[in-house]
PDB file of N, CA and C in Angstrom:
ATOM      1  N   MET A   1     -88.781 159.102 170.241  1.00  0.00           N
ATOM      2  CA  MET A   1     -89.732 159.779 171.128  1.00  0.00           C
ATOM      3  C   MET A   1     -91.054 159.005 171.118  1.00  0.00           C
ATOM      4  N   SER A   2     -91.677 158.924 172.245  1.00  0.00           N
ATOM      5  CA  SER A   2     -92.893 158.118 172.369  1.00  0.00           C
ATOM      6  C   SER A   2     -94.136 158.992 172.423  1.00  0.00           C
ATOM      7  N   GLU A   3     -95.200 158.447 171.948  1.00  0.00           N
ATOM      8  CA  GLU A   3     -96.482 159.142 171.949  1.00  0.00           C
ATOM      9  C   GLU A   3     -97.079 159.172 173.354  1.00  0.00           C
ATOM     10  N   GLN A   4     -97.505 160.352 173.782  1.00  0.00           N
ATOM     11  CA  GLN A   4     -98.167 160.516 175.076  1.00  0.00           C
ATOM     12  C   GLN A   4     -99.615 160.051 174.923  1.00  0.00           C
ATOM     13  N   LEU A   5    -100.028 159.068 175.713  1.00  0.00           N
ATOM     14  CA  LEU A   5    -101.392 158.531 175.623  1.00  0.00           C
ATOM     15  C   LEU A   5    -102.329 159.188 176.628  1.00  0.00           C
ATOM     16  N   THR A   6    -101.827 159.435 177.836  1.00  0.00           N
ATOM     17  CA  THR A   6    -102.577 160.128 178.890  1.00  0.00           C
ATOM     18  C   THR A   6    -101.580 161.031 179.610  1.00  0.00           C
ATOM     19  N   THR A   7    -102.022 161.679 180.638  1.00  0.00           N
ATOM     20  CA  THR A   7    -101.142 162.565 181.406  1.00  0.00           C
ATOM     21  C   THR A   7     -99.884 161.848 181.880  1.00  0.00           C
ATOM     22  N   ASN A   8    -100.009 160.599 182.315  1.00  0.00           N
ATOM     23  CA  ASN A   8     -98.881 159.888 182.910  1.00  0.00           C
ATOM     24  C   ASN A   8     -98.378 158.670 182.157  1.00  0.00           C
ATOM     25  N   PHE A   9     -98.973 158.338 181.020  1.00  0.00           N
ATOM     26  CA  PHE A   9     -98.548 157.133 180.302  1.00  0.00           C
ATOM     27  C   PHE A   9     -98.176 157.438 178.863  1.00  0.00           C
ATOM     28  N   GLN A  10     -97.075 156.817 178.443  1.00  0.00           N
ATOM     29  CA  GLN A  10     -96.622 156.926 177.063  1.00  0.00           C
ATOM     30  C   GLN A  10     -96.700 155.555 176.408  1.00  0.00           C
ATOM     31  N   ARG A  11     -96.883 155.560 175.095  1.00  0.00           N
ATOM     32  CA  ARG A  11     -97.060 154.313 174.347  1.00  0.00           C
ATOM     33  C   ARG A  11     -95.908 153.335 174.577  1.00  0.00           C
ATOM     34  N   HIS A  12     -94.679 153.836 174.659  1.00  0.00           N
ATOM     35  CA  HIS A  12     -93.536 152.931 174.787  1.00  0.00           C
ATOM     36  C   HIS A  12     -93.600 152.060 176.046  1.00  0.00           C
ATOM     37  N   GLU A  13     -94.326 152.481 177.083  1.00  0.00           N
ATOM     38  CA  GLU A  13     -94.420 151.712 178.319  1.00  0.00           C
ATOM     39  C   GLU A  13     -95.143 150.376 178.122  1.00  0.00           C
ATOM     40  N   PHE A  14     -95.892 150.260 177.046  1.00  0.00           N
ATOM     41  CA  PHE A  14     -96.712 149.080 176.795  1.00  0.00           C
ATOM     42  C   PHE A  14     -96.153 148.216 175.664  1.00  0.00           C
ATOM     43  N   ARG A  15     -95.036 148.591 175.108  1.00  0.00           N
ATOM     44  CA  ARG A  15     -94.455 147.951 173.921  1.00  0.00           C
ATOM     45  C   ARG A  15     -93.912 146.555 174.218  1.00  0.00           C
ATOM     46  N   CYS A  16     -94.155 145.633 173.295  1.00  0.00           N
ATOM     47  CA  CYS A  16     -93.600 144.276 173.397  1.00  0.00           C
ATOM     48  C   CYS A  16     -92.081 144.362 173.244  1.00  0.00           C
ATOM     49  N   PRO A  17     -91.318 143.783 174.178  1.00  0.00           N
ATOM     50  CA  PRO A  17     -89.861 143.858 174.092  1.00  0.00           C
ATOM     51  C   PRO A  17     -89.274 143.012 172.958  1.00  0.00           C
ATOM     52  N   ASP A  18     -90.042 142.059 172.441  1.00  0.00           N
ATOM     53  CA  ASP A  18     -89.545 141.216 171.351  1.00  0.00           C
ATOM     54  C   ASP A  18     -89.705 141.882 169.992  1.00  0.00           C
ATOM     55  N   CYS A  19     -90.929 142.319 169.696  1.00  0.00           N
ATOM     56  CA  CYS A  19     -91.227 142.776 168.328  1.00  0.00           C
ATOM     57  C   CYS A  19     -91.520 144.270 168.224  1.00  0.00           C
ATOM     58  N   GLY A  20     -91.721 144.938 169.357  1.00  0.00           N
ATOM     59  CA  GLY A  20     -92.007 146.363 169.330  1.00  0.00           C
ATOM     60  C   GLY A  20     -93.471 146.713 169.134  1.00  0.00           C
ATOM     61  N   GLN A  21     -94.326 145.701 169.031  1.00  0.00           N
ATOM     62  CA  GLN A  21     -95.766 145.951 168.886  1.00  0.00           C
ATOM     63  C   GLN A  21     -96.249 146.751 170.089  1.00  0.00           C
ATOM     64  N   ASP A  22     -97.069 147.782 169.839  1.00  0.00           N
ATOM     65  CA  ASP A  22     -97.486 148.642 170.950  1.00  0.00           C
ATOM     66  C   ASP A  22     -98.946 149.083 170.847  1.00  0.00           C
ATOM     67  N   ASP A  23     -99.772 148.251 170.293  1.00  0.00           N
ATOM     68  CA  ASP A  23    -101.185 148.616 170.084  1.00  0.00           C
ATOM     69  C   ASP A  23    -102.027 148.319 171.332  1.00  0.00           C
ATOM     70  N   ILE A  24    -101.712 149.022 172.406  1.00  0.00           N
ATOM     71  CA  ILE A  24    -102.443 148.881 173.665  1.00  0.00           C
ATOM     72  C   ILE A  24    -103.819 149.524 173.529  1.00  0.00           C
ATOM     73  N   ASP A  25    -104.805 148.961 174.172  1.00  0.00           N
ATOM     74  CA  ASP A  25    -106.166 149.495 174.145  1.00  0.00           C
ATOM     75  C   ASP A  25    -106.218 150.816 174.919  1.00  0.00           C
ATOM     76  N   LEU A  26    -106.716 151.867 174.294  1.00  0.00           N
ATOM     77  CA  LEU A  26    -106.741 153.184 174.942  1.00  0.00           C
ATOM     78  C   LEU A  26    -107.726 153.240 176.110  1.00  0.00           C
ATOM     79  N   GLY A  27    -108.782 152.444 176.063  1.00  0.00           N
ATOM     80  CA  GLY A  27    -109.695 152.367 177.201  1.00  0.00           C
ATOM     81  C   GLY A  27    -108.985 151.825 178.430  1.00  0.00           C
ATOM     82  N   LEU A  28    -108.145 150.822 178.235  1.00  0.00           N
ATOM     83  CA  LEU A  28    -107.338 150.259 179.316  1.00  0.00           C
ATOM     84  C   LEU A  28    -106.398 151.323 179.883  1.00  0.00           C
ATOM     85  N   VAL A  29    -105.742 152.057 179.007  1.00  0.00           N
ATOM     86  CA  VAL A  29    -104.807 153.097 179.461  1.00  0.00           C
ATOM     87  C   VAL A  29    -105.552 154.180 180.248  1.00  0.00           C
ATOM     88  N   ASN A  30    -106.739 154.542 179.803  1.00  0.00           N
ATOM     89  CA  ASN A  30    -107.520 155.541 180.541  1.00  0.00           C
ATOM     90  C   ASN A  30    -107.894 155.036 181.929  1.00  0.00           C
ATOM     91  N   MET A  31    -108.199 153.750 182.056  1.00  0.00           N
ATOM     92  CA  MET A  31    -108.485 153.171 183.369  1.00  0.00           C
ATOM     93  C   MET A  31    -107.234 153.203 184.251  1.00  0.00           C
ATOM     94  N   LEU A  32    -106.078 152.930 183.655  1.00  0.00           N
ATOM     95  CA  LEU A  32    -104.815 153.000 184.398  1.00  0.00           C
ATOM     96  C   LEU A  32    -104.542 154.430 184.865  1.00  0.00           C
ATOM     97  N   GLN A  33    -104.900 155.409 184.041  1.00  0.00           N
ATOM     98  CA  GLN A  33    -104.704 156.806 184.426  1.00  0.00           C
ATOM     99  C   GLN A  33    -105.547 157.146 185.660  1.00  0.00           C
ATOM    100  N   VAL A  34    -106.779 156.655 185.697  1.00  0.00           N
ATOM    101  CA  VAL A  34    -107.632 156.858 186.872  1.00  0.00           C
ATOM    102  C   VAL A  34    -106.950 156.247 188.101  1.00  0.00           C
ATOM    103  N   MET A  35    -106.423 155.046 187.942  1.00  0.00           N
ATOM    104  CA  MET A  35    -105.701 154.390 189.039  1.00  0.00           C
ATOM    105  C   MET A  35    -104.501 155.213 189.489  1.00  0.00           C
ATOM    106  N   ARG A  36    -103.744 155.685 188.513  1.00  0.00           N
ATOM    107  CA  ARG A  36    -102.505 156.426 188.774  1.00  0.00           C
ATOM    108  C   ARG A  36    -102.758 157.659 189.631  1.00  0.00           C
ATOM    109  N   GLU A  37    -103.881 158.293 189.422  1.00  0.00           N
ATOM    110  CA  GLU A  37    -104.207 159.491 190.181  1.00  0.00           C
ATOM    111  C   GLU A  37    -104.422 159.187 191.661  1.00  0.00           C
ATOM    112  N   GLY A  38    -104.805 157.943 191.988  1.00  0.00           N
ATOM    113  CA  GLY A  38    -104.998 157.552 193.378  1.00  0.00           C
ATOM    114  C   GLY A  38    -103.828 156.818 193.986  1.00  0.00           C
ATOM    115  N   SER A  39    -103.055 156.133 193.153  1.00  0.00           N
ATOM    116  CA  SER A  39    -102.004 155.261 193.681  1.00  0.00           C
ATOM    117  C   SER A  39    -100.603 155.833 193.569  1.00  0.00           C
ATOM    118  N   GLY A  40    -100.427 156.839 192.755  1.00  0.00           N
ATOM    119  CA  GLY A  40     -99.082 157.303 192.456  1.00  0.00           C
ATOM    120  C   GLY A  40     -98.518 156.502 191.297  1.00  0.00           C
ATOM    121  N   PRO A  41     -97.219 156.601 191.046  1.00  0.00           N
ATOM    122  CA  PRO A  41     -96.609 155.959 189.874  1.00  0.00           C
ATOM    123  C   PRO A  41     -96.891 154.464 189.782  1.00  0.00           C
ATOM    124  N   LEU A  42     -97.104 154.002 188.559  1.00  0.00           N
ATOM    125  CA  LEU A  42     -97.309 152.584 188.264  1.00  0.00           C
ATOM    126  C   LEU A  42     -96.248 152.158 187.259  1.00  0.00           C
ATOM    127  N   HIS A  43     -95.509 151.120 187.571  1.00  0.00           N
ATOM    128  CA  HIS A  43     -94.467 150.609 186.680  1.00  0.00           C
ATOM    129  C   HIS A  43     -95.032 149.415 185.912  1.00  0.00           C
ATOM    130  N   ILE A  44     -95.258 149.600 184.622  1.00  0.00           N
ATOM    131  CA  ILE A  44     -95.783 148.538 183.764  1.00  0.00           C
ATOM    132  C   ILE A  44     -94.622 147.610 183.413  1.00  0.00           C
ATOM    133  N   THR A  45     -94.739 146.340 183.794  1.00  0.00           N
ATOM    134  CA  THR A  45     -93.685 145.375 183.462  1.00  0.00           C
ATOM    135  C   THR A  45     -94.021 144.572 182.215  1.00  0.00           C
ATOM    136  N   SER A  46     -95.302 144.510 181.866  1.00  0.00           N
ATOM    137  CA  SER A  46     -95.714 143.796 180.664  1.00  0.00           C
ATOM    138  C   SER A  46     -97.012 144.404 180.158  1.00  0.00           C
ATOM    139  N   GLY A  47     -97.026 144.723 178.889  1.00  0.00           N
ATOM    140  CA  GLY A  47     -98.225 145.258 178.249  1.00  0.00           C
ATOM    141  C   GLY A  47     -98.562 144.371 177.064  1.00  0.00           C
ATOM    142  N   VAL A  48     -98.379 144.915 175.875  1.00  0.00           N
ATOM    143  CA  VAL A  48     -98.644 144.157 174.652  1.00  0.00           C
ATOM    144  C   VAL A  48     -97.572 143.079 174.503  1.00  0.00           C
ATOM    145  N   ARG A  49     -98.004 141.885 174.103  1.00  0.00           N
ATOM    146  CA  ARG A  49     -97.072 140.786 173.829  1.00  0.00           C
ATOM    147  C   ARG A  49     -97.379 140.182 172.465  1.00  0.00           C
ATOM    148  N   CYS A  50     -96.340 139.880 171.712  1.00  0.00           N
ATOM    149  CA  CYS A  50     -96.509 139.076 170.506  1.00  0.00           C
ATOM    150  C   CYS A  50     -96.559 137.606 170.950  1.00  0.00           C
ATOM    151  N   LYS A  51     -96.925 136.714 170.063  1.00  0.00           N
ATOM    152  CA  LYS A  51     -97.025 135.292 170.427  1.00  0.00           C
ATOM    153  C   LYS A  51     -95.696 134.736 170.918  1.00  0.00           C
ATOM    154  N   THR A  52     -94.600 135.160 170.299  1.00  0.00           N
ATOM    155  CA  THR A  52     -93.281 134.657 170.681  1.00  0.00           C
ATOM    156  C   THR A  52     -92.939 135.060 172.118  1.00  0.00           C
ATOM    157  N   HIS A  53     -93.127 136.330 172.429  1.00  0.00           N
ATOM    158  CA  HIS A  53     -92.809 136.802 173.781  1.00  0.00           C
ATOM    159  C   HIS A  53     -93.761 136.193 174.808  1.00  0.00           C
ATOM    160  N   ASN A  54     -95.035 136.109 174.465  1.00  0.00           N
ATOM    161  CA  ASN A  54     -96.011 135.525 175.378  1.00  0.00           C
ATOM    162  C   ASN A  54     -95.621 134.098 175.748  1.00  0.00           C
ATOM    163  N   LYS A  55     -95.226 133.322 174.762  1.00  0.00           N
ATOM    164  CA  LYS A  55     -94.810 131.938 175.010  1.00  0.00           C
ATOM    165  C   LYS A  55     -93.544 131.904 175.874  1.00  0.00           C
ATOM    166  N   ALA A  56     -92.606 132.810 175.593  1.00  0.00           N
ATOM    167  CA  ALA A  56     -91.339 132.848 176.331  1.00  0.00           C
ATOM    168  C   ALA A  56     -91.539 133.156 177.813  1.00  0.00           C
ATOM    169  N   VAL A  57     -92.559 133.952 178.144  1.00  0.00           N
ATOM    170  CA  VAL A  57     -92.793 134.301 179.545  1.00  0.00           C
ATOM    171  C   VAL A  57     -93.822 133.392 180.209  1.00  0.00           C
ATOM    172  N   GLY A  58     -94.261 132.355 179.496  1.00  0.00           N
ATOM    173  CA  GLY A  58     -95.196 131.398 180.073  1.00  0.00           C
ATOM    174  C   GLY A  58     -96.647 131.841 180.040  1.00  0.00           C
ATOM    175  N   GLY A  59     -96.964 132.811 179.176  1.00  0.00           N
ATOM    176  CA  GLY A  59     -98.343 133.283 179.056  1.00  0.00           C
ATOM    177  C   GLY A  59     -99.239 132.253 178.396  1.00  0.00           C
ATOM    178  N   LYS A  60    -100.511 132.319 178.710  1.00  0.00           N
ATOM    179  CA  LYS A  60    -101.479 131.406 178.106  1.00  0.00           C
ATOM    180  C   LYS A  60    -101.708 131.782 176.648  1.00  0.00           C
ATOM    181  N   PRO A  61    -102.008 130.798 175.792  1.00  0.00           N
ATOM    182  CA  PRO A  61    -102.267 131.098 174.377  1.00  0.00           C
ATOM    183  C   PRO A  61    -103.428 132.071 174.155  1.00  0.00           C
ATOM    184  N   SER A  62    -104.323 132.176 175.130  1.00  0.00           N
ATOM    185  CA  SER A  62    -105.466 133.090 175.015  1.00  0.00           C
ATOM    186  C   SER A  62    -105.258 134.373 175.817  1.00  0.00           C
ATOM    187  N   SER A  63    -104.022 134.679 176.185  1.00  0.00           N
ATOM    188  CA  SER A  63    -103.715 135.833 177.024  1.00  0.00           C
ATOM    189  C   SER A  63    -104.255 137.135 176.429  1.00  0.00           C
ATOM    190  N   ALA A  64    -104.831 137.959 177.282  1.00  0.00           N
ATOM    191  CA  ALA A  64    -105.320 139.277 176.865  1.00  0.00           C
ATOM    192  C   ALA A  64    -104.166 140.197 176.460  1.00  0.00           C
ATOM    193  N   HIS A  65    -102.942 139.884 176.878  1.00  0.00           N
ATOM    194  CA  HIS A  65    -101.775 140.673 176.474  1.00  0.00           C
ATOM    195  C   HIS A  65    -101.609 140.638 174.953  1.00  0.00           C
ATOM    196  N   LEU A  66    -101.981 139.533 174.323  1.00  0.00           N
ATOM    197  CA  LEU A  66    -101.823 139.378 172.877  1.00  0.00           C
ATOM    198  C   LEU A  66    -102.663 140.373 172.089  1.00  0.00           C
ATOM    199  N   LYS A  67    -103.718 140.870 172.697  1.00  0.00           N
ATOM    200  CA  LYS A  67    -104.611 141.815 172.024  1.00  0.00           C
ATOM    201  C   LYS A  67    -104.497 143.230 172.596  1.00  0.00           C
ATOM    202  N   GLY A  68    -103.504 143.461 173.436  1.00  0.00           N
ATOM    203  CA  GLY A  68    -103.323 144.785 174.025  1.00  0.00           C
ATOM    204  C   GLY A  68    -104.380 145.134 175.057  1.00  0.00           C
ATOM    205  N   LEU A  69    -104.929 144.099 175.699  1.00  0.00           N
ATOM    206  CA  LEU A  69    -106.016 144.284 176.657  1.00  0.00           C
ATOM    207  C   LEU A  69    -105.607 143.967 178.089  1.00  0.00           C
ATOM    208  N   ALA A  70    -104.299 143.880 178.342  1.00  0.00           N
ATOM    209  CA  ALA A  70    -103.826 143.518 179.688  1.00  0.00           C
ATOM    210  C   ALA A  70    -102.497 144.191 179.994  1.00  0.00           C
ATOM    211  N   VAL A  71    -102.269 144.386 181.277  1.00  0.00           N
ATOM    212  CA  VAL A  71    -100.977 144.872 181.758  1.00  0.00           C
ATOM    213  C   VAL A  71    -100.615 144.147 183.047  1.00  0.00           C
ATOM    214  N   ASP A  72     -99.323 144.085 183.309  1.00  0.00           N
ATOM    215  CA  ASP A  72     -98.812 143.644 184.594  1.00  0.00           C
ATOM    216  C   ASP A  72     -98.108 144.844 185.211  1.00  0.00           C
ATOM    217  N   ILE A  73     -98.355 145.071 186.492  1.00  0.00           N
ATOM    218  CA  ILE A  73     -97.793 146.214 187.210  1.00  0.00           C
ATOM    219  C   ILE A  73     -96.878 145.694 188.312  1.00  0.00           C
ATOM    220  N   LEU A  74     -95.675 146.223 188.379  1.00  0.00           N
ATOM    221  CA  LEU A  74     -94.712 145.832 189.400  1.00  0.00           C
ATOM    222  C   LEU A  74     -95.246 146.178 190.785  1.00  0.00           C
ATOM    223  N   CYS A  75     -95.273 145.190 191.668  1.00  0.00           N
ATOM    224  CA  CYS A  75     -95.738 145.381 193.051  1.00  0.00           C
ATOM    225  C   CYS A  75     -94.974 144.408 193.938  1.00  0.00           C
ATOM    226  N   LYS A  76     -93.861 144.836 194.474  1.00  0.00           N
ATOM    227  CA  LYS A  76     -93.050 143.951 195.310  1.00  0.00           C
ATOM    228  C   LYS A  76     -93.490 143.934 196.762  1.00  0.00           C
ATOM    229  N   ALA A  77     -94.107 144.999 197.215  1.00  0.00           N
ATOM    230  CA  ALA A  77     -94.509 145.097 198.620  1.00  0.00           C
ATOM    231  C   ALA A  77     -96.001 144.838 198.779  1.00  0.00           C
ATOM    232  N   SER A  78     -96.350 144.217 199.876  1.00  0.00           N
ATOM    233  CA  SER A  78     -97.739 143.876 200.157  1.00  0.00           C
ATOM    234  C   SER A  78     -98.647 145.107 200.137  1.00  0.00           C
ATOM    235  N   ARG A  79     -98.199 146.200 200.744  1.00  0.00           N
ATOM    236  CA  ARG A  79     -99.015 147.424 200.773  1.00  0.00           C
ATOM    237  C   ARG A  79     -99.237 147.975 199.373  1.00  0.00           C
ATOM    238  N   LYS A  80     -98.218 147.886 198.517  1.00  0.00           N
ATOM    239  CA  LYS A  80     -98.356 148.360 197.135  1.00  0.00           C
ATOM    240  C   LYS A  80     -99.366 147.491 196.389  1.00  0.00           C
ATOM    241  N   ARG A  81     -99.307 146.166 196.596  1.00  0.00           N
ATOM    242  CA  ARG A  81    -100.290 145.280 195.949  1.00  0.00           C
ATOM    243  C   ARG A  81    -101.698 145.647 196.391  1.00  0.00           C
ATOM    244  N   TYR A  82    -101.872 145.879 197.682  1.00  0.00           N
ATOM    245  CA  TYR A  82    -103.192 146.249 198.203  1.00  0.00           C
ATOM    246  C   TYR A  82    -103.668 147.549 197.559  1.00  0.00           C
ATOM    247  N   LEU A  83    -102.797 148.541 197.511  1.00  0.00           N
ATOM    248  CA  LEU A  83    -103.162 149.831 196.920  1.00  0.00           C
ATOM    249  C   LEU A  83    -103.510 149.684 195.446  1.00  0.00           C
ATOM    250  N   VAL A  84    -102.715 148.939 194.708  1.00  0.00           N
ATOM    251  CA  VAL A  84    -102.968 148.749 193.278  1.00  0.00           C
ATOM    252  C   VAL A  84    -104.292 148.023 193.064  1.00  0.00           C
ATOM    253  N   VAL A  85    -104.540 146.966 193.812  1.00  0.00           N
ATOM    254  CA  VAL A  85    -105.800 146.231 193.665  1.00  0.00           C
ATOM    255  C   VAL A  85    -106.985 147.116 194.033  1.00  0.00           C
ATOM    256  N   SER A  86    -106.865 147.848 195.109  1.00  0.00           N
ATOM    257  CA  SER A  86    -107.937 148.744 195.546  1.00  0.00           C
ATOM    258  C   SER A  86    -108.242 149.796 194.475  1.00  0.00           C
ATOM    259  N   GLU A  87    -107.213 150.420 193.950  1.00  0.00           N
ATOM    260  CA  GLU A  87    -107.394 151.445 192.912  1.00  0.00           C
ATOM    261  C   GLU A  87    -107.910 150.822 191.611  1.00  0.00           C
ATOM    262  N   ALA A  88    -107.481 149.605 191.302  1.00  0.00           N
ATOM    263  CA  ALA A  88    -107.944 148.927 190.094  1.00  0.00           C
ATOM    264  C   ALA A  88    -109.451 148.683 190.150  1.00  0.00           C
ATOM    265  N   ILE A  89    -109.919 148.218 191.291  1.00  0.00           N
ATOM    266  CA  ILE A  89    -111.361 147.992 191.463  1.00  0.00           C
ATOM    267  C   ILE A  89    -112.104 149.320 191.330  1.00  0.00           C
ATOM    268  N   GLY A  90    -111.589 150.362 191.942  1.00  0.00           N
ATOM    269  CA  GLY A  90    -112.203 151.676 191.855  1.00  0.00           C
ATOM    270  C   GLY A  90    -112.227 152.234 190.441  1.00  0.00           C
ATOM    271  N   ALA A  91    -111.234 151.866 189.630  1.00  0.00           N
ATOM    272  CA  ALA A  91    -111.159 152.341 188.246  1.00  0.00           C
ATOM    273  C   ALA A  91    -112.029 151.511 187.299  1.00  0.00           C
ATOM    274  N   GLY A  92    -112.591 150.402 187.809  1.00  0.00           N
ATOM    275  CA  GLY A  92    -113.490 149.599 186.990  1.00  0.00           C
ATOM    276  C   GLY A  92    -112.946 148.277 186.491  1.00  0.00           C
ATOM    277  N   PHE A  93    -111.739 147.904 186.893  1.00  0.00           N
ATOM    278  CA  PHE A  93    -111.209 146.596 186.486  1.00  0.00           C
ATOM    279  C   PHE A  93    -111.975 145.490 187.196  1.00  0.00           C
ATOM    280  N   THR A  94    -112.351 144.455 186.465  1.00  0.00           N
ATOM    281  CA  THR A  94    -113.084 143.328 187.042  1.00  0.00           C
ATOM    282  C   THR A  94    -112.356 142.000 186.833  1.00  0.00           C
ATOM    283  N   ARG A  95    -111.140 142.058 186.281  1.00  0.00           N
ATOM    284  CA  ARG A  95    -110.310 140.854 186.101  1.00  0.00           C
ATOM    285  C   ARG A  95    -108.926 141.193 186.653  1.00  0.00           C
ATOM    286  N   ILE A  96    -108.599 140.585 187.797  1.00  0.00           N
ATOM    287  CA  ILE A  96    -107.370 140.938 188.514  1.00  0.00           C
ATOM    288  C   ILE A  96    -106.641 139.666 188.945  1.00  0.00           C
ATOM    289  N   GLY A  97    -105.361 139.589 188.615  1.00  0.00           N
ATOM    290  CA  GLY A  97    -104.515 138.486 189.057  1.00  0.00           C
ATOM    291  C   GLY A  97    -103.400 139.038 189.923  1.00  0.00           C
ATOM    292  N   VAL A  98    -103.079 138.337 191.012  1.00  0.00           N
ATOM    293  CA  VAL A  98    -102.066 138.816 191.953  1.00  0.00           C
ATOM    294  C   VAL A  98    -100.925 137.811 192.038  1.00  0.00           C
ATOM    295  N   GLY A  99     -99.721 138.309 191.805  1.00  0.00           N
ATOM    296  CA  GLY A  99     -98.521 137.496 191.938  1.00  0.00           C
ATOM    297  C   GLY A  99     -97.654 138.016 193.065  1.00  0.00           C
ATOM    298  N   ALA A 100     -96.535 137.366 193.290  1.00  0.00           N
ATOM    299  CA  ALA A 100     -95.629 137.758 194.370  1.00  0.00           C
ATOM    300  C   ALA A 100     -95.048 139.151 194.157  1.00  0.00           C
ATOM    301  N   ASP A 101     -94.831 139.539 192.895  1.00  0.00           N
ATOM    302  CA  ASP A 101     -94.228 140.848 192.640  1.00  0.00           C
ATOM    303  C   ASP A 101     -94.930 141.643 191.538  1.00  0.00           C
ATOM    304  N   PHE A 102     -96.158 141.270 191.219  1.00  0.00           N
ATOM    305  CA  PHE A 102     -96.909 142.002 190.202  1.00  0.00           C
ATOM    306  C   PHE A 102     -98.405 141.823 190.397  1.00  0.00           C
ATOM    307  N   VAL A 103     -99.156 142.731 189.763  1.00  0.00           N
ATOM    308  CA  VAL A 103    -100.607 142.605 189.673  1.00  0.00           C
ATOM    309  C   VAL A 103    -100.958 142.666 188.198  1.00  0.00           C
ATOM    310  N   HIS A 104    -101.731 141.684 187.743  1.00  0.00           N
ATOM    311  CA  HIS A 104    -102.211 141.615 186.358  1.00  0.00           C
ATOM    312  C   HIS A 104    -103.609 142.220 186.314  1.00  0.00           C
ATOM    313  N   LEU A 105    -103.843 143.081 185.324  1.00  0.00           N
ATOM    314  CA  LEU A 105    -105.161 143.666 185.104  1.00  0.00           C
ATOM    315  C   LEU A 105    -105.516 143.478 183.644  1.00  0.00           C
ATOM    316  N   ASP A 106    -106.757 143.052 183.376  1.00  0.00           N
ATOM    317  CA  ASP A 106    -107.158 142.982 181.973  1.00  0.00           C
ATOM    318  C   ASP A 106    -108.632 143.311 181.804  1.00  0.00           C
ATOM    319  N   ILE A 107    -108.959 143.648 180.558  1.00  0.00           N
ATOM    320  CA  ILE A 107    -110.330 144.018 180.203  1.00  0.00           C
ATOM    321  C   ILE A 107    -110.819 143.154 179.049  1.00  0.00           C
ATOM    322  N   ALA A 108    -110.410 141.900 179.026  1.00  0.00           N
ATOM    323  CA  ALA A 108    -110.750 140.999 177.934  1.00  0.00           C
ATOM    324  C   ALA A 108    -112.252 140.717 177.882  1.00  0.00           C
ATOM    325  N   PRO A 109    -112.907 141.087 176.777  1.00  0.00           N
ATOM    326  CA  PRO A 109    -114.332 140.777 176.645  1.00  0.00           C
ATOM    327  C   PRO A 109    -114.511 139.275 176.446  1.00  0.00           C
ATOM    328  N   GLY A 110    -115.604 138.764 176.922  1.00  0.00           N
ATOM    329  CA  GLY A 110    -115.881 137.344 176.740  1.00  0.00           C
ATOM    330  C   GLY A 110    -115.258 136.453 177.800  1.00  0.00           C
ATOM    331  N   LYS A 111    -114.412 137.004 178.645  1.00  0.00           N
ATOM    332  CA  LYS A 111    -113.846 136.227 179.747  1.00  0.00           C
ATOM    333  C   LYS A 111    -114.606 136.585 181.013  1.00  0.00           C
ATOM    334  N   ALA A 112    -114.581 135.698 181.985  1.00  0.00           N
ATOM    335  CA  ALA A 112    -115.309 135.904 183.242  1.00  0.00           C
ATOM    336  C   ALA A 112    -114.939 137.241 183.874  1.00  0.00           C
ATOM    337  N   ALA A 113    -115.942 137.952 184.365  1.00  0.00           N
ATOM    338  CA  ALA A 113    -115.735 139.230 185.039  1.00  0.00           C
ATOM    339  C   ALA A 113    -115.947 139.055 186.537  1.00  0.00           C
ATOM    340  N   CYS A 114    -115.549 140.066 187.278  1.00  0.00           N
ATOM    341  CA  CYS A 114    -115.651 140.050 188.745  1.00  0.00           C
ATOM    342  C   CYS A 114    -114.913 138.842 189.318  1.00  0.00           C
ATOM    343  N   VAL A 115    -113.668 138.673 188.850  1.00  0.00           N
ATOM    344  CA  VAL A 115    -112.838 137.556 189.302  1.00  0.00           C
ATOM    345  C   VAL A 115    -111.461 138.074 189.724  1.00  0.00           C
ATOM    346  N   MET A 116    -110.882 137.365 190.689  1.00  0.00           N
ATOM    347  CA  MET A 116    -109.525 137.637 191.126  1.00  0.00           C
ATOM    348  C   MET A 116    -108.854 136.287 191.353  1.00  0.00           C
ATOM    349  N   TRP A 117    -107.632 136.161 190.895  1.00  0.00           N
ATOM    350  CA  TRP A 117    -106.899 134.908 191.039  1.00  0.00           C
ATOM    351  C   TRP A 117    -105.471 135.226 191.461  1.00  0.00           C
ATOM    352  N   ASP A 118    -104.732 134.178 191.808  1.00  0.00           N
ATOM    353  CA  ASP A 118    -103.332 134.396 192.173  1.00  0.00           C
ATOM    354  C   ASP A 118    -102.426 133.557 191.286  1.00  0.00           C
ATOM    355  N   TYR A 119    -101.162 133.928 191.277  1.00  0.00           N
ATOM    356  CA  TYR A 119    -100.143 133.227 190.509  1.00  0.00           C
ATOM    357  C   TYR A 119     -99.167 132.516 191.443  1.00  0.00           C
ATOM    358  N   TYR A 120     -99.534 132.360 192.696  1.00  0.00           N
ATOM    359  CA  TYR A 120     -98.670 131.690 193.660  1.00  0.00           C
ATOM    360  C   TYR A 120     -98.697 130.196 193.396  1.00  0.00           C
ATOM    361  N   LYS A 121     -97.556 129.559 193.595  1.00  0.00           N
ATOM    362  CA  LYS A 121     -97.480 128.113 193.354  1.00  0.00           C
ATOM    363  C   LYS A 121     -97.232 127.377 194.629  1.00  0.00           C
TER     364      LYS A 121
END
């Protein structure tokens, strides 16, 4: 059984699939809850990552996922990406990455704020 973190999120949703580490930042989860209330369900595809899993998925060595400060949200449709990005900005996220089928959100201190990038190649 998983610990309920907010009305709509449980700890297991953020767990590293390799090692089971699940120390997600609660401030981040609260921001996601604000988003969820405007966007509807959010499917977290990546939350906390150990170094092994981060390397396996091509994450940067300084990834905010390693510290439980980032999530990736499944977004296959353009309208869903727009809604997620819009709600993320409204919830206070200032670091947003957009891929073909996901949106990355993080709250890493010390990294540039008010930035948006893409993962398209």
